[in-house]
Amino acid sequence: MKSTIAVLGGHKEKVFLEAGDRLGAEVSFLKPFKKSHIRSKLMKIIKRADSVVIIGGCCSHKDMWEAKRIAKLYGRTFCVERSQGAANAIRKGLMLLK
């Protein structure tokens, strides 16, 4: 069974999904955060994920803190990735599960 990694932020969803397939992970992707219903979308994606990777340069501090709070609420491991590379983000998410 593939691990599910929630990627929050980033720009090219297709690239993240392809990197997930190559590395053996299922990716749930949320584009740079829109203000409408962000909390409910975050809760839905993080609840289904095994780990959470937040792309730091692609979301506000407020949204980053909200994502961290929700990840802690559901007991998910998380990290903030500085680079915007898809493969690095997926690898970080898989490393969090070990």
Protein backbone atom coordinates (compact mmCIF):
# COMPACT_ATOMS: atom_id res chain seq x y z
CA MET A 1 0.00 0.00 0.00
CA LYS A 2 1.37 3.41 -0.99
CA SER A 3 1.95 6.09 1.62
CA THR A 4 -0.09 9.25 1.18
CA ILE A 5 1.76 12.53 1.38
CA ALA A 6 -0.02 15.87 1.56
CA VAL A 7 1.90 18.58 -0.28
CA LEU A 8 0.74 22.07 0.63
CA GLY A 9 1.94 24.82 -1.70
CA GLY A 10 4.01 24.51 -4.85
CA HIS A 11 3.04 25.41 -8.37
CA LYS A 12 2.99 22.47 -10.77
CA GLU A 13 0.60 19.82 -9.51
CA LYS A 14 1.36 17.43 -12.39
CA VAL A 15 5.09 17.42 -11.52
CA PHE A 16 4.36 16.58 -7.87
CA LEU A 17 1.99 13.76 -8.87
CA GLU A 18 4.56 12.30 -11.29
CA ALA A 19 7.32 12.49 -8.66
CA GLY A 20 5.03 10.69 -6.23
CA ASP A 21 4.43 7.89 -8.74
CA ARG A 22 8.18 7.54 -9.41
CA LEU A 23 8.98 7.38 -5.69
CA GLY A 24 6.09 5.09 -4.74
CA ALA A 25 3.85 7.54 -2.91
CA GLU A 26 0.34 8.84 -3.41
CA VAL A 27 0.27 12.65 -3.39
CA SER A 28 -2.56 14.89 -2.22
CA PHE A 29 -1.78 18.36 -3.51
CA LEU A 30 -3.17 21.73 -2.45
CA LYS A 31 -2.13 24.63 -4.66
CA PRO A 32 -1.01 27.91 -3.11
CA PHE A 33 -3.65 28.63 -0.58
CA LYS A 34 -6.79 30.51 -1.48
CA LYS A 35 -8.55 32.19 1.41
CA SER A 36 -11.98 30.69 0.79
CA HIS A 37 -12.62 27.60 2.91
CA ILE A 38 -8.90 26.98 3.47
CA ARG A 39 -9.37 25.41 6.89
CA SER A 40 -11.87 22.80 5.70
CA LYS A 41 -9.69 21.92 2.68
CA LEU A 42 -6.61 21.60 4.89
CA MET A 43 -8.45 19.39 7.36
CA LYS A 44 -9.72 17.09 4.61
CA ILE A 45 -6.32 16.67 2.93
CA ILE A 46 -4.29 16.31 6.15
CA LYS A 47 -6.73 13.83 7.68
CA ARG A 48 -6.22 11.46 4.71
CA ALA A 49 -2.42 11.85 4.62
CA ASP A 50 0.29 9.87 6.39
CA SER A 51 2.69 12.84 6.40
CA VAL A 52 2.52 16.52 5.47
CA VAL A 53 5.08 18.58 3.53
CA ILE A 54 4.58 22.35 3.52
CA ILE A 55 6.40 24.20 0.73
CA GLY A 56 7.58 27.22 2.71
CA GLY A 57 8.02 29.75 -0.08
CA CYS A 58 4.53 29.20 -1.47
CA CYS A 59 2.23 30.03 1.42
CA SER A 60 1.85 32.68 4.10
CA HIS A 61 3.04 32.23 7.66
CA LYS A 62 -0.55 32.21 8.87
CA ASP A 63 -1.48 29.34 6.53
CA MET A 64 1.69 27.47 7.45
CA TRP A 65 0.86 27.69 11.16
CA GLU A 66 -2.71 26.57 10.49
CA ALA A 67 -1.45 23.54 8.54
CA LYS A 68 0.96 22.66 11.36
CA ARG A 69 -1.81 22.95 13.94
CA ILE A 70 -4.11 20.66 11.96
CA ALA A 71 -1.30 18.14 11.39
CA LYS A 72 -0.69 18.01 15.15
CA LEU A 73 -4.43 17.67 15.76
CA TYR A 74 -4.57 14.54 13.58
CA GLY A 75 -1.18 13.21 14.74
CA ARG A 76 0.50 13.55 11.35
CA THR A 77 4.22 14.14 10.97
CA PHE A 78 5.07 17.28 9.04
CA CYS A 79 7.96 19.38 7.81
CA VAL A 80 8.49 22.69 6.05
CA GLU A 81 10.52 22.28 2.86
CA ARG A 82 12.43 25.34 1.70
CA SER A 83 13.06 24.21 -1.87
CA GLN A 84 10.19 24.02 -4.32
CA GLY A 85 11.42 20.82 -5.97
CA ALA A 86 8.84 18.07 -6.23
CA ALA A 87 11.15 15.08 -5.77
CA ASN A 88 12.77 16.57 -2.66
CA ALA A 89 9.39 17.30 -1.13
CA ILE A 90 8.16 13.74 -1.74
CA ARG A 91 11.40 12.24 -0.38
CA LYS A 92 11.08 14.38 2.77
CA GLY A 93 7.51 13.17 3.23
CA LEU A 94 8.60 9.54 2.91
CA MET A 95 11.51 10.09 5.32
CA LEU A 96 9.06 11.40 7.91
CA LEU A 97 7.33 8.02 7.89
CA LYS A 98 10.45 6.05 8.80
